[in-house]
């Protein structure tokens, strides 16, 4: 019996699970691809470093706010789905690693997303055209002088997420439910502390993670389809 016909004749509960995992895999793939595109669009600061000048944002304030806020949402959504897919795949050996990793991943990405969205907002309002440019420049100086409040949330969240990523990768390696290259690809997240995550250079880390996340979702869906097929044979 084919996978498709098995799914059609499956128990309603089993069929619903297959549809949910299929939806999870599809949204995970979309979020992963969108994150890569968003990283390419992320503007570079003209003066180098980590903070931006008033002139960097003033002419593209809507893009800045929309891009960073969107990436924060996509990051939270995609990472949460990735954590769920890993827990779904890792049922026995390695499950403790996968579960602890999922908790750290989700808490970490939420904190990181809050920081990124806060950064977007902090630069957005001072560049409003109705505001006097001199006041906008002064507001930027205040923001950049106190940027540690934003970066602390972002960096702490990113660090937690990376530790969670490592734990989940260990769970996947121990469970042997996916090819080895998938957890290794996910581990390229570690490079985000060494390589900028935006621009063309960000592809060094973004592409392997996106491909591995898409593959993870596919293997989760394939596992569900395989279970339905075996149950109906």
Protein backbone atom coordinates (compact mmCIF):
# COMPACT_ATOMS: atom_id res chain seq x y z
CA UNK A 1 0.00 0.00 0.00
CA UNK A 2 1.37 3.44 -0.90
CA UNK A 3 2.01 6.17 1.67
CA UNK A 4 -0.77 8.29 0.18
CA UNK A 5 -3.41 5.54 0.30
CA UNK A 6 -2.30 4.58 3.80
CA UNK A 7 -2.80 8.14 4.96
CA UNK A 8 -6.26 8.20 3.36
CA UNK A 9 -7.31 5.04 5.21
CA UNK A 10 -5.51 5.88 8.45
CA UNK A 11 -7.09 6.38 11.83
CA UNK A 12 -8.35 10.00 12.09
CA UNK A 13 -5.96 10.70 14.96
CA UNK A 14 -2.99 9.34 13.01
CA UNK A 15 -4.03 11.22 9.87
CA UNK A 16 -4.36 14.47 11.84
CA UNK A 17 -0.85 13.96 13.25
CA UNK A 18 0.51 13.48 9.74
CA UNK A 19 -1.17 16.69 8.57
CA UNK A 20 0.17 18.63 11.55
CA UNK A 21 3.73 17.39 11.08
CA UNK A 22 3.43 18.15 7.37
CA UNK A 23 2.32 21.69 8.18
CA UNK A 24 5.17 22.01 10.69
CA UNK A 25 7.69 20.91 8.05
CA UNK A 26 6.30 23.33 5.46
CA UNK A 27 6.28 26.34 7.79
CA UNK A 28 9.76 25.44 9.08
CA UNK A 29 11.08 25.38 5.52
CA UNK A 30 9.45 28.72 4.69
CA UNK A 31 10.79 30.33 7.87
CA UNK A 32 14.29 28.99 7.23
CA UNK A 33 14.38 30.34 3.67
CA UNK A 34 12.90 33.69 4.76
CA UNK A 35 15.59 34.01 7.44
CA UNK A 36 18.32 33.59 4.80
CA UNK A 37 16.74 36.25 2.57
CA UNK A 38 16.27 38.58 5.53
CA UNK A 39 19.91 38.20 6.51
CA UNK A 40 20.98 39.26 3.01
CA UNK A 41 18.79 42.38 3.21
CA UNK A 42 20.03 43.40 6.66
CA UNK A 43 21.95 46.68 6.09
CA UNK A 44 25.58 47.09 7.08
CA UNK A 45 26.57 49.98 9.40
CA UNK A 46 28.54 52.55 7.41
CA UNK A 47 31.01 53.17 10.20
CA UNK A 48 31.66 49.51 10.98
CA UNK A 49 31.14 48.05 14.42
CA UNK A 50 27.80 46.94 15.81
CA UNK A 51 25.86 50.20 16.14
CA UNK A 52 24.36 52.35 13.40
CA UNK A 53 24.44 56.08 12.75
CA UNK A 54 21.42 58.26 12.16
CA UNK A 55 22.25 58.49 8.44
CA UNK A 56 22.32 54.68 8.15
CA UNK A 57 18.67 54.36 9.15
CA UNK A 58 16.97 57.65 8.24
CA UNK A 59 16.40 56.83 4.56
CA UNK A 60 15.35 53.24 5.15
CA UNK A 61 13.63 53.35 8.53
CA UNK A 62 10.61 51.35 7.36
CA UNK A 63 12.85 48.64 5.91
CA UNK A 64 14.93 48.58 9.10
CA UNK A 65 11.92 48.22 11.39
CA UNK A 66 10.02 45.79 9.20
CA UNK A 67 13.05 43.62 8.45
CA UNK A 68 14.29 43.27 12.02
CA UNK A 69 10.83 42.82 13.49
CA UNK A 70 10.01 40.26 10.81
CA UNK A 71 13.26 38.39 11.40
CA UNK A 72 12.53 38.32 15.14
CA UNK A 73 9.12 36.75 14.50
CA UNK A 74 10.47 34.33 11.89
CA UNK A 75 13.35 33.36 14.16
CA UNK A 76 11.04 32.56 17.08
CA UNK A 77 8.63 30.63 14.87
CA UNK A 78 11.25 28.66 12.93
CA UNK A 79 13.40 27.80 15.94
CA UNK A 80 10.39 26.68 17.99
CA UNK A 81 9.23 24.42 15.15
CA UNK A 82 12.75 23.03 14.77
CA UNK A 83 12.84 22.19 18.46
CA UNK A 84 9.45 20.47 18.20
CA UNK A 85 10.53 18.49 15.13
CA UNK A 86 13.63 17.27 16.95
CA UNK A 87 11.62 16.16 19.98
CA UNK A 88 9.19 14.37 17.68
CA UNK A 89 12.01 12.48 15.99
CA UNK A 90 14.04 11.69 19.12
CA UNK A 91 11.78 9.44 21.19
CA UNK A 92 14.13 7.19 23.14
CA UNK A 93 17.92 7.40 23.15
CA UNK A 94 18.94 11.04 23.24
CA UNK A 95 15.47 12.27 24.23
CA UNK A 96 16.73 14.00 27.39
CA UNK A 97 19.24 15.97 25.33
CA UNK A 98 16.54 16.84 22.80
CA UNK A 99 14.08 17.99 25.46
CA UNK A 100 16.55 20.10 27.43
CA UNK A 101 17.83 21.53 24.16
CA UNK A 102 14.31 22.43 23.08
CA UNK A 103 13.67 24.34 26.31
CA UNK A 104 16.91 26.29 25.97
CA UNK A 105 16.31 26.93 22.27
CA UNK A 106 12.82 28.31 22.77
CA UNK A 107 13.68 30.50 25.78
CA UNK A 108 16.84 31.70 24.05
CA UNK A 109 15.25 32.58 20.71
CA UNK A 110 12.40 34.43 22.42
CA UNK A 111 14.91 36.55 24.35
CA UNK A 112 16.94 37.14 21.20
CA UNK A 113 13.82 38.03 19.24
CA UNK A 114 12.74 40.53 21.90
CA UNK A 115 16.18 42.13 21.73
CA UNK A 116 16.16 42.36 17.93
CA UNK A 117 12.65 43.84 17.86
CA UNK A 118 13.63 46.30 20.59
CA UNK A 119 16.68 47.34 18.57
CA UNK A 120 14.47 47.92 15.52
CA UNK A 121 12.14 50.14 17.54
CA UNK A 122 14.94 52.07 19.25
CA UNK A 123 16.26 53.27 15.89
CA UNK A 124 12.87 53.68 14.20
CA UNK A 125 11.28 56.51 16.16
CA UNK A 126 14.26 58.93 16.29
CA UNK A 127 14.36 58.89 12.46
CA UNK A 128 10.73 60.01 12.03
CA UNK A 129 10.69 62.76 9.37
CA UNK A 130 8.50 64.96 11.60
CA UNK A 131 11.24 65.01 14.23
CA UNK A 132 13.98 67.63 14.05
CA UNK A 133 17.15 65.91 12.71
CA UNK A 134 19.23 67.41 15.51
CA UNK A 135 16.92 65.80 18.05
CA UNK A 136 17.08 62.54 16.09
CA UNK A 137 20.89 62.58 16.16
CA UNK A 138 20.81 63.22 19.90
CA UNK A 139 18.36 60.36 20.43
CA UNK A 140 20.64 58.06 18.42
CA UNK A 141 23.57 59.02 20.61
CA UNK A 142 21.55 58.19 23.72
CA UNK A 143 20.48 54.84 22.24
CA UNK A 144 24.01 53.91 21.16
CA UNK A 145 25.48 54.97 24.51
CA UNK A 146 23.03 52.60 26.21
CA UNK A 147 22.93 49.88 23.56
CA UNK A 148 24.20 47.38 26.12
CA UNK A 149 20.66 47.04 27.47
CA UNK A 150 19.53 45.79 24.06
CA UNK A 151 22.60 43.72 23.26
CA UNK A 152 22.58 41.99 26.64
CA UNK A 153 19.13 40.56 25.94
CA UNK A 154 20.09 39.62 22.38
CA UNK A 155 23.45 38.03 23.21
CA UNK A 156 22.15 36.18 26.27
CA UNK A 157 19.27 34.82 24.23
CA UNK A 158 21.58 33.83 21.37
CA UNK A 159 23.93 32.07 23.79
CA UNK A 160 21.08 30.08 25.34
CA UNK A 161 19.80 29.18 21.88
CA UNK A 162 23.22 27.95 20.79
CA UNK A 163 23.59 25.79 23.91
CA UNK A 164 20.12 24.41 23.17
CA UNK A 165 21.13 23.79 19.56
CA UNK A 166 24.17 21.84 20.70
CA UNK A 167 22.06 19.77 23.11
CA UNK A 168 19.52 18.94 20.41
CA UNK A 169 22.28 18.05 17.97
CA UNK A 170 23.68 15.62 20.54
CA UNK A 171 20.20 14.13 20.91
CA UNK A 172 19.90 13.68 17.15
CA UNK A 173 23.36 12.13 16.91
CA UNK A 174 22.63 9.69 19.73
CA UNK A 175 19.22 8.76 18.35
CA UNK A 176 20.53 8.25 14.80
CA UNK A 177 17.14 9.14 13.32
CA UNK A 178 18.51 11.51 10.67
CA UNK A 179 21.70 11.62 8.60
CA UNK A 180 24.73 12.92 10.50
CA UNK A 181 25.04 15.99 8.27
CA UNK A 182 21.76 17.42 9.59
CA UNK A 183 22.81 17.96 13.23
CA UNK A 184 26.24 19.06 12.00
CA UNK A 185 24.54 21.61 9.74
CA UNK A 186 22.48 22.88 12.67
CA UNK A 187 25.67 23.27 14.70
CA UNK A 188 26.91 25.96 12.31
CA UNK A 189 24.84 28.24 14.56
CA UNK A 190 27.96 28.37 16.72
CA UNK A 191 29.65 30.37 13.98
CA UNK A 192 27.17 33.22 14.44
CA UNK A 193 29.28 34.39 17.38
CA UNK A 194 32.29 34.63 15.05
CA UNK A 195 30.78 35.52 11.67
CA UNK A 196 28.34 38.43 11.12
CA UNK A 197 24.84 37.11 10.52
CA UNK A 198 23.92 39.72 7.93
CA UNK A 199 24.97 40.38 4.35
CA UNK A 200 26.62 37.98 1.94
CA UNK A 201 29.10 36.75 4.55
CA UNK A 202 26.15 35.67 6.70
CA UNK A 203 25.42 32.96 4.13
CA UNK A 204 28.35 31.02 5.62
CA UNK A 205 26.18 30.24 8.62
CA UNK A 206 22.67 30.86 7.30
CA UNK A 207 22.63 28.42 4.38
CA UNK A 208 23.83 25.28 6.23
CA UNK A 209 21.38 25.97 9.08
CA UNK A 210 18.49 26.58 6.68
CA UNK A 211 19.18 23.45 4.65
CA UNK A 212 19.55 21.33 7.79
CA UNK A 213 16.32 22.75 9.27
CA UNK A 214 14.40 22.01 6.07
CA UNK A 215 15.77 18.46 6.03
CA UNK A 216 14.86 18.00 9.69
CA UNK A 217 11.26 18.93 8.95
CA UNK A 218 11.19 16.55 5.99
CA UNK A 219 12.47 13.63 8.09
CA UNK A 220 9.85 14.38 10.75
CA UNK A 221 7.11 14.24 8.12
CA UNK A 222 8.62 11.12 6.53
CA UNK A 223 8.62 9.39 9.92
CA UNK A 224 4.90 10.07 10.31
CA UNK A 225 4.18 8.79 6.81
CA UNK A 226 6.26 5.68 7.44
CA UNK A 227 4.37 4.92 10.67
CA UNK A 228 1.02 5.22 8.86
CA UNK A 229 2.23 2.91 6.10
CA UNK A 230 3.48 0.24 8.53
CA UNK A 231 0.27 0.42 10.59
CA UNK A 232 -1.86 -0.26 7.52
CA UNK A 233 0.22 -3.05 5.99
